Protein backbone atom coordinates (compact mmCIF):
# COMPACT_ATOMS: atom_id res chain seq x y z
CA MET A 1 121.22 -84.43 106.21
CA LEU A 2 121.35 -84.87 109.98
CA HIS A 3 122.19 -82.26 112.59
CA CYS A 4 124.29 -82.61 115.73
CA ARG A 5 124.10 -80.55 118.89
CA LEU A 6 126.43 -80.81 121.88
CA LEU A 7 125.46 -80.65 125.53
CA ARG A 8 128.19 -78.76 127.36
CA SER A 9 129.13 -78.55 131.01
CA PRO A 10 128.01 -75.49 132.95
CA HIS A 11 130.79 -76.16 135.50
CA PRO A 12 134.47 -75.21 135.30
CA HIS A 13 135.57 -78.36 137.15
CA ALA A 14 133.36 -81.30 138.14
CA MET A 15 132.93 -85.05 138.15
CA ILE A 16 130.06 -86.47 136.12
CA GLU A 17 128.19 -88.77 138.47
CA ALA A 18 125.38 -89.78 136.10
CA ILE A 19 123.94 -89.01 132.68
CA ASP A 20 120.41 -90.02 131.78
CA ALA A 21 119.88 -89.60 128.05
CA SER A 22 116.97 -92.05 127.75
CA ARG A 23 114.31 -89.38 127.20
CA ALA A 24 116.43 -87.66 124.56
CA ALA A 25 116.94 -90.95 122.72
CA GLN A 26 113.17 -91.49 122.60
CA HIS A 27 112.41 -87.97 121.32
CA PRO A 28 110.81 -88.09 117.83
CA GLY A 29 113.35 -87.39 115.09
CA VAL A 30 116.42 -88.27 117.18
CA HIS A 31 118.69 -90.78 115.44
CA LEU A 32 121.39 -91.14 118.07
CA VAL A 33 122.49 -89.88 121.47
CA LEU A 34 126.13 -90.27 122.51
CA THR A 35 127.92 -89.72 125.82
CA GLY A 36 131.52 -90.02 126.93
CA LYS A 37 130.94 -93.69 127.82
CA ASP A 38 130.54 -94.32 124.06
CA PHE A 39 134.14 -93.16 123.53
CA PRO A 40 136.21 -95.07 126.10
CA TYR A 41 139.60 -94.21 124.58
CA SER A 42 141.40 -90.88 124.68
CA PHE A 43 142.62 -89.45 121.39
CA GLY A 44 145.41 -87.18 122.60
CA ILE A 45 148.77 -87.86 120.95
CA LEU A 46 150.85 -85.20 122.69
CA PRO A 47 151.88 -85.50 126.35
CA VAL A 48 149.61 -82.56 127.22
CA THR A 49 146.56 -84.23 125.63
CA GLN A 50 146.87 -87.78 126.97
CA ASP A 51 143.50 -87.60 128.71
CA GLU A 52 141.56 -85.71 126.03
CA TYR A 53 138.24 -87.25 124.94
CA PRO A 54 135.66 -86.29 122.28
CA LEU A 55 132.98 -86.23 125.02
CA ALA A 56 133.93 -86.08 128.70
CA PRO A 57 133.39 -89.57 130.17
CA ASP A 58 133.57 -88.64 133.85
CA HIS A 59 135.50 -85.41 134.46
CA VAL A 60 134.84 -81.92 133.05
CA ARG A 61 137.65 -79.37 133.16
CA TYR A 62 136.11 -76.18 131.80
CA VAL A 63 132.76 -74.50 131.21
CA GLY A 64 131.68 -75.78 127.81
CA ASP A 65 133.42 -79.16 127.98
CA PRO A 66 131.15 -81.38 125.82
CA VAL A 67 129.43 -84.24 127.70
CA ALA A 68 126.81 -85.51 125.23
CA ALA A 69 125.86 -85.27 121.56
CA VAL A 70 122.44 -85.56 119.96
CA ILE A 71 122.03 -86.35 116.27
CA GLY A 72 118.59 -85.45 114.94
CA ARG A 73 116.69 -84.93 111.73
CA ASP A 74 117.02 -81.17 112.08
CA GLU A 75 118.63 -78.60 114.36
CA GLN A 76 115.42 -77.88 116.27
CA THR A 77 114.87 -81.57 117.08
CA ALA A 78 118.46 -81.97 118.28
CA THR A 79 118.16 -78.83 120.42
CA GLU A 80 114.89 -80.01 121.96
CA ALA A 81 116.45 -83.38 122.79
CA LEU A 82 119.42 -81.72 124.54
CA ALA A 83 117.00 -80.27 127.08
CA LEU A 84 115.85 -83.81 127.91
CA ILE A 85 119.30 -85.01 128.99
CA GLU A 86 119.86 -85.00 132.73
CA VAL A 87 123.40 -84.77 134.04
CA LYS A 88 124.31 -85.02 137.70
CA TYR A 89 127.59 -83.25 138.47
CA ARG A 90 129.72 -83.13 141.60
CA PRO A 91 131.47 -79.74 141.42
CA LEU A 92 135.15 -79.70 142.33
CA LYS A 93 137.42 -76.88 143.44
CA THR A 94 138.32 -74.60 140.56
CA ILE A 95 141.99 -73.95 140.01
CA SER A 96 142.35 -70.78 138.01
CA SER A 97 145.99 -69.74 138.27
CA PRO A 98 149.46 -71.27 138.37
CA GLU A 99 149.79 -70.16 142.00
CA GLU A 100 146.62 -72.05 142.95
CA ALA A 101 147.88 -75.13 141.10
CA LEU A 102 151.10 -75.07 143.13
CA LYS A 103 149.19 -74.71 146.41
CA ASN A 104 146.48 -77.29 145.62
CA PRO A 105 147.65 -80.69 144.42
CA GLU A 106 144.08 -82.01 144.77
CA PRO A 107 141.64 -82.25 143.17
CA ARG A 108 143.70 -82.97 140.09
CA ILE A 109 142.77 -81.30 136.85
CA HIS A 110 144.49 -83.98 134.73
CA ASP A 111 145.36 -87.59 135.45
CA TYR A 112 148.96 -87.34 134.27
CA GLY A 113 151.87 -85.58 135.94
CA GLU A 114 153.90 -86.57 138.94
CA GLN A 115 153.09 -83.75 141.35
CA GLY A 116 149.43 -82.89 141.65
CA ASN A 117 148.45 -80.04 139.37
CA ILE A 118 151.97 -79.30 138.17
CA HIS A 119 152.27 -80.47 134.60
CA ARG A 120 156.04 -80.12 134.36
CA LEU A 121 158.81 -78.59 136.42
CA GLN A 122 161.31 -76.62 134.38
CA ALA A 123 164.44 -75.01 135.85
CA PHE A 124 165.99 -72.01 134.10
C-alpha cells in the first residue's frame, strides 16, 4: 500500500511562480511527485467549476488549495518529502466579500465571467 500527502497553499490568493519538487522526488521511499502541471485539463463540469483542477497549476484561490502530491511507501516518508518541495508564490489581493468583488475587478479570482469578479448578474 502506498500513501499520498498533499502540499497545500498557505495563501488565500496567489500565483504560483515556480515549484521545485526535485528533492522530494529523490527522497528515499518516494514513488511519485505530482504538481498541477501534471494535470493540464480542468475537470469542472458545471459553469461554476470550469477552472477547477485536481492540483492548482498556477493560481491558488484559498488557504489549503492543493499544489502538489507526494506518493510514498508510508505516511512518514510522504510527509518528509512534502517538506522538501519549494514553492514560490506571488501573493495577490484577497477578495473576501461580495462588496469587495464588486469594487475590485482585478485581480480575478476565476478566469470565467464577463465582469471581473462578478460571477453572474441576476436581477430580481
